[in-house]
């Protein structure tokens, strides 16, 4: 996973992404995510960013430029505004067998969805839509502390390290989707 600012600047990258990109965190932070795309695919980048902002999430296979070596096909799942002005991009090698990419320790979707309450799922969808805890509390007519508790409980149940990780897991497990988060946002904006 990498997080990217509105100006396409890389803000953070987890260990798996750094290993995939053959780069240290120091080498990645501050660079433009566009620098990772092969030059012949760069012409499509403005369209990618526009669609990401309009839809709230995108996925697809893209060709990355990794260090000095040959390009690599990767599956990219991007979620806009996981935090205001910060976008989450999850990378996975596109050509690896699926059984090598799936962690058997991950919860099974039906088990997780049965343990997450409806309110926890609502809060996660609103986080995915870019709302702050204050905005979530106002929208759901609950106290901000209650919204924080629902988010903390969802994080714990999903085994997530932070909000961005919880949203990524919830999207991956089908507990929320970008259409739900768009419908739930009071102003209809992402």
Protein backbone atom coordinates (compact mmCIF):
# COMPACT_ATOMS: atom_id res chain seq x y z
CA UNK A 1 0.00 0.00 0.00
CA UNK A 2 1.11 3.50 -0.74
CA UNK A 3 -0.52 6.78 0.15
CA UNK A 4 -0.46 9.62 -2.33
CA UNK A 5 -1.30 13.32 -1.91
CA UNK A 6 -3.56 15.29 -4.26
CA UNK A 7 -0.44 16.57 -6.04
CA UNK A 8 0.53 12.90 -6.77
CA UNK A 9 3.42 13.03 -4.28
CA UNK A 10 4.13 9.74 -2.51
CA UNK A 11 3.56 10.18 1.23
CA UNK A 12 4.14 6.68 2.59
CA UNK A 13 4.65 3.09 1.46
CA UNK A 14 4.39 -0.09 3.48
CA UNK A 15 7.15 -2.70 3.44
CA UNK A 16 5.44 -4.89 0.83
CA UNK A 17 5.18 -1.97 -1.62
CA UNK A 18 8.78 -0.93 -0.99
CA UNK A 19 9.95 -4.48 -1.69
CA UNK A 20 7.81 -4.68 -4.83
CA UNK A 21 9.18 -1.35 -6.07
CA UNK A 22 12.76 -2.18 -5.03
CA UNK A 23 13.00 1.19 -3.25
CA UNK A 24 13.47 2.43 0.29
CA UNK A 25 10.91 4.65 1.96
CA UNK A 26 13.40 7.51 1.71
CA UNK A 27 13.73 6.95 -2.05
CA UNK A 28 9.95 6.89 -2.52
CA UNK A 29 8.64 9.67 -0.30
CA UNK A 30 8.38 12.98 -2.04
CA UNK A 31 8.56 11.43 -5.52
CA UNK A 32 5.57 11.63 -7.82
CA UNK A 33 3.60 8.42 -8.20
CA UNK A 34 3.59 9.30 -11.91
CA UNK A 35 7.37 8.60 -11.89
CA UNK A 36 6.56 4.93 -11.32
CA UNK A 37 4.52 4.62 -14.52
CA UNK A 38 6.28 3.62 -17.72
CA UNK A 39 6.67 6.64 -20.03
CA UNK A 40 4.48 5.21 -22.79
CA UNK A 41 1.60 4.87 -20.30
CA UNK A 42 2.06 8.38 -18.87
CA UNK A 43 -0.36 9.93 -21.38
CA UNK A 44 -3.23 8.07 -19.66
CA UNK A 45 -2.41 9.38 -16.18
CA UNK A 46 -4.61 12.52 -16.23
CA UNK A 47 -7.58 10.33 -17.14
CA UNK A 48 -6.69 7.89 -14.32
CA UNK A 49 -6.59 10.68 -11.71
CA UNK A 50 -9.84 12.24 -12.97
CA UNK A 51 -11.67 8.90 -12.88
CA UNK A 52 -10.30 8.16 -9.41
CA UNK A 53 -11.62 11.48 -8.08
CA UNK A 54 -15.00 11.02 -9.82
CA UNK A 55 -15.62 7.40 -8.85
CA UNK A 56 -13.83 7.25 -5.52
CA UNK A 57 -12.05 4.02 -6.38
CA UNK A 58 -10.43 2.37 -9.37
CA UNK A 59 -8.78 -0.90 -10.13
CA UNK A 60 -6.93 -2.34 -13.06
CA UNK A 61 -3.66 -3.69 -14.35
CA UNK A 62 -0.94 -1.18 -15.14
CA UNK A 63 2.70 -1.29 -16.17
CA UNK A 64 5.08 0.12 -13.56
CA UNK A 65 8.66 1.16 -14.05
CA UNK A 66 10.71 -0.43 -11.27
CA UNK A 67 14.23 0.88 -10.55
CA UNK A 68 16.50 0.43 -13.55
CA UNK A 69 14.98 -2.95 -14.41
CA UNK A 70 12.21 -3.89 -16.81
CA UNK A 71 8.64 -2.79 -16.18
CA UNK A 72 6.28 -4.88 -14.11
CA UNK A 73 2.55 -5.53 -14.58
CA UNK A 74 0.73 -4.81 -11.33
CA UNK A 75 -2.85 -4.90 -10.21
CA UNK A 76 -3.69 -1.51 -8.73
CA UNK A 77 -6.63 -0.81 -6.45
CA UNK A 78 -6.94 2.88 -5.61
CA UNK A 79 -9.30 4.53 -3.12
CA UNK A 80 -9.66 8.32 -3.20
CA UNK A 81 -9.67 10.47 -0.08
CA UNK A 82 -9.17 7.76 2.52
CA UNK A 83 -8.07 10.77 4.52
CA UNK A 84 -8.84 14.24 3.16
CA UNK A 85 -6.46 14.85 0.27
CA UNK A 86 -4.78 11.45 0.67
CA UNK A 87 -5.41 8.50 -1.60
CA UNK A 88 -4.61 4.85 -0.93
CA UNK A 89 -3.13 2.69 -3.67
CA UNK A 90 -2.70 -1.03 -3.16
CA UNK A 91 -0.27 -2.81 -5.48
CA UNK A 92 -0.03 -6.53 -6.25
CA UNK A 93 1.94 -8.29 -8.97
CA UNK A 94 -0.54 -9.03 -11.77
CA UNK A 95 1.16 -12.15 -13.04
CA UNK A 96 1.57 -14.04 -9.78
CA UNK A 97 -0.73 -17.00 -9.11
CA UNK A 98 -3.62 -15.98 -6.90
CA UNK A 99 -2.90 -18.68 -4.33
CA UNK A 100 0.49 -17.06 -3.64
CA UNK A 101 -1.12 -13.66 -2.97
CA UNK A 102 -3.90 -14.76 -0.62
CA UNK A 103 -3.02 -14.89 3.05
CA UNK A 104 -4.74 -17.87 4.65
CA UNK A 105 -4.62 -16.02 7.98
CA UNK A 106 -6.99 -13.33 6.66
CA UNK A 107 -10.53 -13.59 7.98
CA UNK A 108 -13.10 -15.16 5.69
CA UNK A 109 -15.53 -12.45 4.44
CA UNK A 110 -18.65 -14.14 5.84
CA UNK A 111 -17.01 -14.45 9.27
CA UNK A 112 -15.96 -10.79 9.31
CA UNK A 113 -19.28 -9.44 8.03
CA UNK A 114 -21.12 -11.39 10.70
CA UNK A 115 -18.90 -9.87 13.39
CA UNK A 116 -18.96 -6.25 12.14
CA UNK A 117 -22.09 -4.44 13.23
CA UNK A 118 -24.15 -2.52 10.73
CA UNK A 119 -23.07 0.72 12.38
CA UNK A 120 -19.38 -0.25 12.11
CA UNK A 121 -19.89 -0.89 8.40
CA UNK A 122 -21.67 2.50 8.05
CA UNK A 123 -18.81 4.29 9.79
CA UNK A 124 -16.23 2.56 7.56
CA UNK A 125 -18.19 3.53 4.44
CA UNK A 126 -18.26 7.15 5.57
CA UNK A 127 -14.52 7.06 6.31
CA UNK A 128 -14.05 5.71 2.77
CA UNK A 129 -16.10 8.66 1.51
CA UNK A 130 -13.60 11.00 3.17
CA UNK A 131 -15.66 12.22 6.11
CA UNK A 132 -14.01 13.21 9.38
CA UNK A 133 -15.14 11.67 12.67
CA UNK A 134 -17.02 14.90 13.45
CA UNK A 135 -18.85 14.74 10.08
CA UNK A 136 -19.62 11.04 10.60
CA UNK A 137 -21.01 11.76 14.05
CA UNK A 138 -23.18 14.60 12.70
CA UNK A 139 -24.41 12.50 9.79
CA UNK A 140 -25.31 9.51 11.97
CA UNK A 141 -26.62 11.66 14.87
CA UNK A 142 -24.20 10.11 17.34
CA UNK A 143 -21.44 11.52 19.53
CA UNK A 144 -17.97 11.87 18.00
CA UNK A 145 -16.64 9.53 20.72
CA UNK A 146 -19.20 6.92 19.65
CA UNK A 147 -18.09 7.21 16.01
CA UNK A 148 -14.47 6.82 17.17
CA UNK A 149 -15.47 3.69 19.16
CA UNK A 150 -17.25 2.14 16.14
CA UNK A 151 -14.16 2.80 14.01
CA UNK A 152 -11.83 1.36 16.66
CA UNK A 153 -14.02 -1.75 16.97
CA UNK A 154 -14.05 -2.22 13.18
CA UNK A 155 -10.25 -1.80 13.07
CA UNK A 156 -9.84 -4.40 15.81
CA UNK A 157 -12.24 -6.89 14.22
CA UNK A 158 -10.60 -6.51 10.80
CA UNK A 159 -7.09 -6.62 12.23
CA UNK A 160 -6.42 -3.21 10.65
CA UNK A 161 -3.53 -1.00 11.73
CA UNK A 162 -5.22 2.31 10.85
CA UNK A 163 -8.21 3.84 9.01
CA UNK A 164 -6.70 3.43 5.57
CA UNK A 165 -5.96 -0.23 6.23
CA UNK A 166 -9.50 -0.78 7.59
CA UNK A 167 -11.05 0.80 4.49
CA UNK A 168 -8.80 -1.25 2.19
CA UNK A 169 -9.72 -4.48 4.01
CA UNK A 170 -13.42 -3.61 4.06
CA UNK A 171 -13.35 -2.93 0.30
CA UNK A 172 -11.39 -6.12 -0.35
CA UNK A 173 -13.77 -8.20 1.75
CA UNK A 174 -16.84 -6.64 0.14
CA UNK A 175 -18.09 -5.11 3.38
CA UNK A 176 -18.30 -1.68 1.75
CA UNK A 177 -17.94 -0.45 -1.80
CA UNK A 178 -17.39 2.96 -3.33
CA UNK A 179 -21.02 3.22 -4.43
CA UNK A 180 -22.19 2.75 -0.84
CA UNK A 181 -19.78 5.39 0.42
CA UNK A 182 -20.89 7.85 -2.31
CA UNK A 183 -24.55 7.35 -1.44
CA UNK A 184 -23.85 7.74 2.28
CA UNK A 185 -21.95 11.02 2.00
CA UNK A 186 -24.44 13.81 2.80
CA UNK A 187 -23.20 16.24 0.14
CA UNK A 188 -22.82 13.52 -2.54
CA UNK A 189 -19.17 14.52 -3.04
CA UNK A 190 -16.12 12.33 -2.69
